[in-house]
Amino acid sequence: MLDAIERVEVGIRVDIAHILGRGDPWAHRLQANFNRYFNEADPKDQIVRHTKWVSRLDELCDPLQRGLRKTLSRKIQRAVPDMDRD
């Protein structure tokens, strides 16, 4: 049962990502695309929730991007530039 719920959750997340990405591949970085709750400061640390979420996303993706750049550089035998995220 939990496996089925997890599959539904992943499917919904994928659908949301596709809908957001249709208009702008960097839509997840724009606070205007999210509700008021996500754009308010967290009472615990006074940092906007969206800002914290994007920072965490960057932390998780950065090692993956570095590895991808290294792999692509080897395959095409030249340096691959750093991706502009903002």
C-alpha atoms as a PDB file:
ATOM      1  CA  MET A   1       0.000   0.000   0.000  1.00  0.00           C
ATOM      2  CA  LEU A   2       2.775   2.468   0.903  1.00  0.00           C
ATOM      3  CA  ASP A   3       4.531   1.636  -2.354  1.00  0.00           C
ATOM      4  CA  ALA A   4       1.423   2.648  -4.291  1.00  0.00           C
ATOM      5  CA  ILE A   5       1.131   5.922  -2.369  1.00  0.00           C
ATOM      6  CA  GLU A   6       4.795   6.682  -3.042  1.00  0.00           C
ATOM      7  CA  ARG A   7       4.305   6.048  -6.762  1.00  0.00           C
ATOM      8  CA  VAL A   8       1.343   8.438  -6.838  1.00  0.00           C
ATOM      9  CA  GLU A   9       3.394  11.077  -4.983  1.00  0.00           C
ATOM     10  CA  VAL A  10       6.288  10.766  -7.440  1.00  0.00           C
ATOM     11  CA  GLY A  11       3.866  10.950 -10.367  1.00  0.00           C
ATOM     12  CA  ILE A  12       2.301  14.144  -9.020  1.00  0.00           C
ATOM     13  CA  ARG A  13       5.743  15.698  -8.478  1.00  0.00           C
ATOM     14  CA  VAL A  14       6.739  14.854 -12.043  1.00  0.00           C
ATOM     15  CA  ASP A  15       3.517  16.365 -13.402  1.00  0.00           C
ATOM     16  CA  ILE A  16       4.095  19.573 -11.414  1.00  0.00           C
ATOM     17  CA  ALA A  17       7.680  19.785 -12.677  1.00  0.00           C
ATOM     18  CA  HIS A  18       6.536  19.363 -16.286  1.00  0.00           C
ATOM     19  CA  ILE A  19       3.806  21.981 -15.925  1.00  0.00           C
ATOM     20  CA  LEU A  20       6.188  24.512 -14.369  1.00  0.00           C
ATOM     21  CA  GLY A  21       8.951  23.728 -16.855  1.00  0.00           C
ATOM     22  CA  ARG A  22       6.705  24.136 -19.866  1.00  0.00           C
ATOM     23  CA  GLY A  23       6.676  27.907 -19.433  1.00  0.00           C
ATOM     24  CA  ASP A  24      10.220  28.361 -18.130  1.00  0.00           C
ATOM     25  CA  PRO A  25      12.856  25.708 -17.407  1.00  0.00           C
ATOM     26  CA  TRP A  26      13.978  27.776 -14.407  1.00  0.00           C
ATOM     27  CA  ALA A  27      10.427  28.364 -13.096  1.00  0.00           C
ATOM     28  CA  HIS A  28      11.211  26.626  -9.819  1.00  0.00           C
ATOM     29  CA  ARG A  29      13.610  29.475  -8.981  1.00  0.00           C
ATOM     30  CA  LEU A  30      10.970  32.209  -9.307  1.00  0.00           C
ATOM     31  CA  GLN A  31       9.145  32.933  -6.065  1.00  0.00           C
ATOM     32  CA  ALA A  32       6.175  34.316  -7.987  1.00  0.00           C
ATOM     33  CA  ASN A  33       5.321  30.762  -9.116  1.00  0.00           C
ATOM     34  CA  PHE A  34       4.617  29.626  -5.566  1.00  0.00           C
ATOM     35  CA  ASN A  35       1.975  30.340  -2.962  1.00  0.00           C
ATOM     36  CA  ARG A  36       2.228  32.900  -0.180  1.00  0.00           C
ATOM     37  CA  TYR A  37       3.187  30.329   2.477  1.00  0.00           C
ATOM     38  CA  PHE A  38       6.274  29.269   0.508  1.00  0.00           C
ATOM     39  CA  ASN A  39       7.249  32.926   0.040  1.00  0.00           C
ATOM     40  CA  GLU A  40       7.027  33.864   3.727  1.00  0.00           C
ATOM     41  CA  ALA A  41       9.876  33.753   6.211  1.00  0.00           C
ATOM     42  CA  ASP A  42      10.096  30.662   8.386  1.00  0.00           C
ATOM     43  CA  PRO A  43       9.434  31.797  11.981  1.00  0.00           C
ATOM     44  CA  LYS A  44      12.302  29.603  13.226  1.00  0.00           C
ATOM     45  CA  ASP A  45      15.080  31.426  11.374  1.00  0.00           C
ATOM     46  CA  GLN A  46      13.374  34.288   9.466  1.00  0.00           C
ATOM     47  CA  ILE A  47      14.612  32.961   6.102  1.00  0.00           C
ATOM     48  CA  VAL A  48      12.092  32.774   3.265  1.00  0.00           C
ATOM     49  CA  ARG A  49      11.075  29.139   2.731  1.00  0.00           C
ATOM     50  CA  HIS A  50      11.568  29.340  -1.041  1.00  0.00           C
ATOM     51  CA  THR A  51      15.098  30.697  -0.551  1.00  0.00           C
ATOM     52  CA  LYS A  52      15.938  27.831   1.806  1.00  0.00           C
ATOM     53  CA  TRP A  53      14.454  25.309  -0.620  1.00  0.00           C
ATOM     54  CA  VAL A  54      16.449  26.641  -3.594  1.00  0.00           C
ATOM     55  CA  SER A  55      19.635  26.660  -1.486  1.00  0.00           C
ATOM     56  CA  ARG A  56      19.069  23.037  -0.522  1.00  0.00           C
ATOM     57  CA  LEU A  57      18.363  22.153  -4.159  1.00  0.00           C
ATOM     58  CA  ASP A  58      21.655  23.785  -5.181  1.00  0.00           C
ATOM     59  CA  GLU A  59      23.524  21.820  -2.505  1.00  0.00           C
ATOM     60  CA  LEU A  60      22.072  18.558  -3.790  1.00  0.00           C
ATOM     61  CA  CYS A  61      22.561  19.316  -7.504  1.00  0.00           C
ATOM     62  CA  ASP A  62      26.025  20.878  -7.417  1.00  0.00           C
ATOM     63  CA  PRO A  63      27.981  17.596  -7.041  1.00  0.00           C
ATOM     64  CA  LEU A  64      25.854  16.054  -9.786  1.00  0.00           C
ATOM     65  CA  GLN A  65      26.525  18.971 -12.138  1.00  0.00           C
ATOM     66  CA  ARG A  66      30.268  18.840 -11.429  1.00  0.00           C
ATOM     67  CA  GLY A  67      30.302  15.121 -12.210  1.00  0.00           C
ATOM     68  CA  LEU A  68      28.303  15.670 -15.379  1.00  0.00           C
ATOM     69  CA  ARG A  69      30.656  18.440 -16.544  1.00  0.00           C
ATOM     70  CA  LYS A  70      33.651  16.187 -15.906  1.00  0.00           C
ATOM     71  CA  THR A  71      32.077  13.291 -17.833  1.00  0.00           C
ATOM     72  CA  LEU A  72      31.068  15.514 -20.751  1.00  0.00           C
ATOM     73  CA  SER A  73      34.525  17.109 -20.845  1.00  0.00           C
ATOM     74  CA  ARG A  74      36.113  13.681 -21.197  1.00  0.00           C
ATOM     75  CA  LYS A  75      33.682  12.622 -23.905  1.00  0.00           C
ATOM     76  CA  ILE A  76      33.967  15.742 -26.045  1.00  0.00           C
ATOM     77  CA  GLN A  77      37.599  16.367 -25.023  1.00  0.00           C
ATOM     78  CA  ARG A  78      37.164  20.008 -24.078  1.00  0.00           C
ATOM     79  CA  ALA A  79      36.024  21.968 -21.061  1.00  0.00           C
ATOM     80  CA  VAL A  80      32.310  22.263 -20.427  1.00  0.00           C
ATOM     81  CA  PRO A  81      31.320  25.643 -18.950  1.00  0.00           C
ATOM     82  CA  ASP A  82      29.636  25.976 -15.602  1.00  0.00           C
ATOM     83  CA  MET A  83      25.833  26.193 -15.872  1.00  0.00           C
ATOM     84  CA  ASP A  84      24.381  29.629 -15.168  1.00  0.00           C
ATOM     85  CA  ARG A  85      21.705  29.024 -12.540  1.00  0.00           C
ATOM     86  CA  ASP A  86      20.383  32.523 -11.992  1.00  0.00           C
END
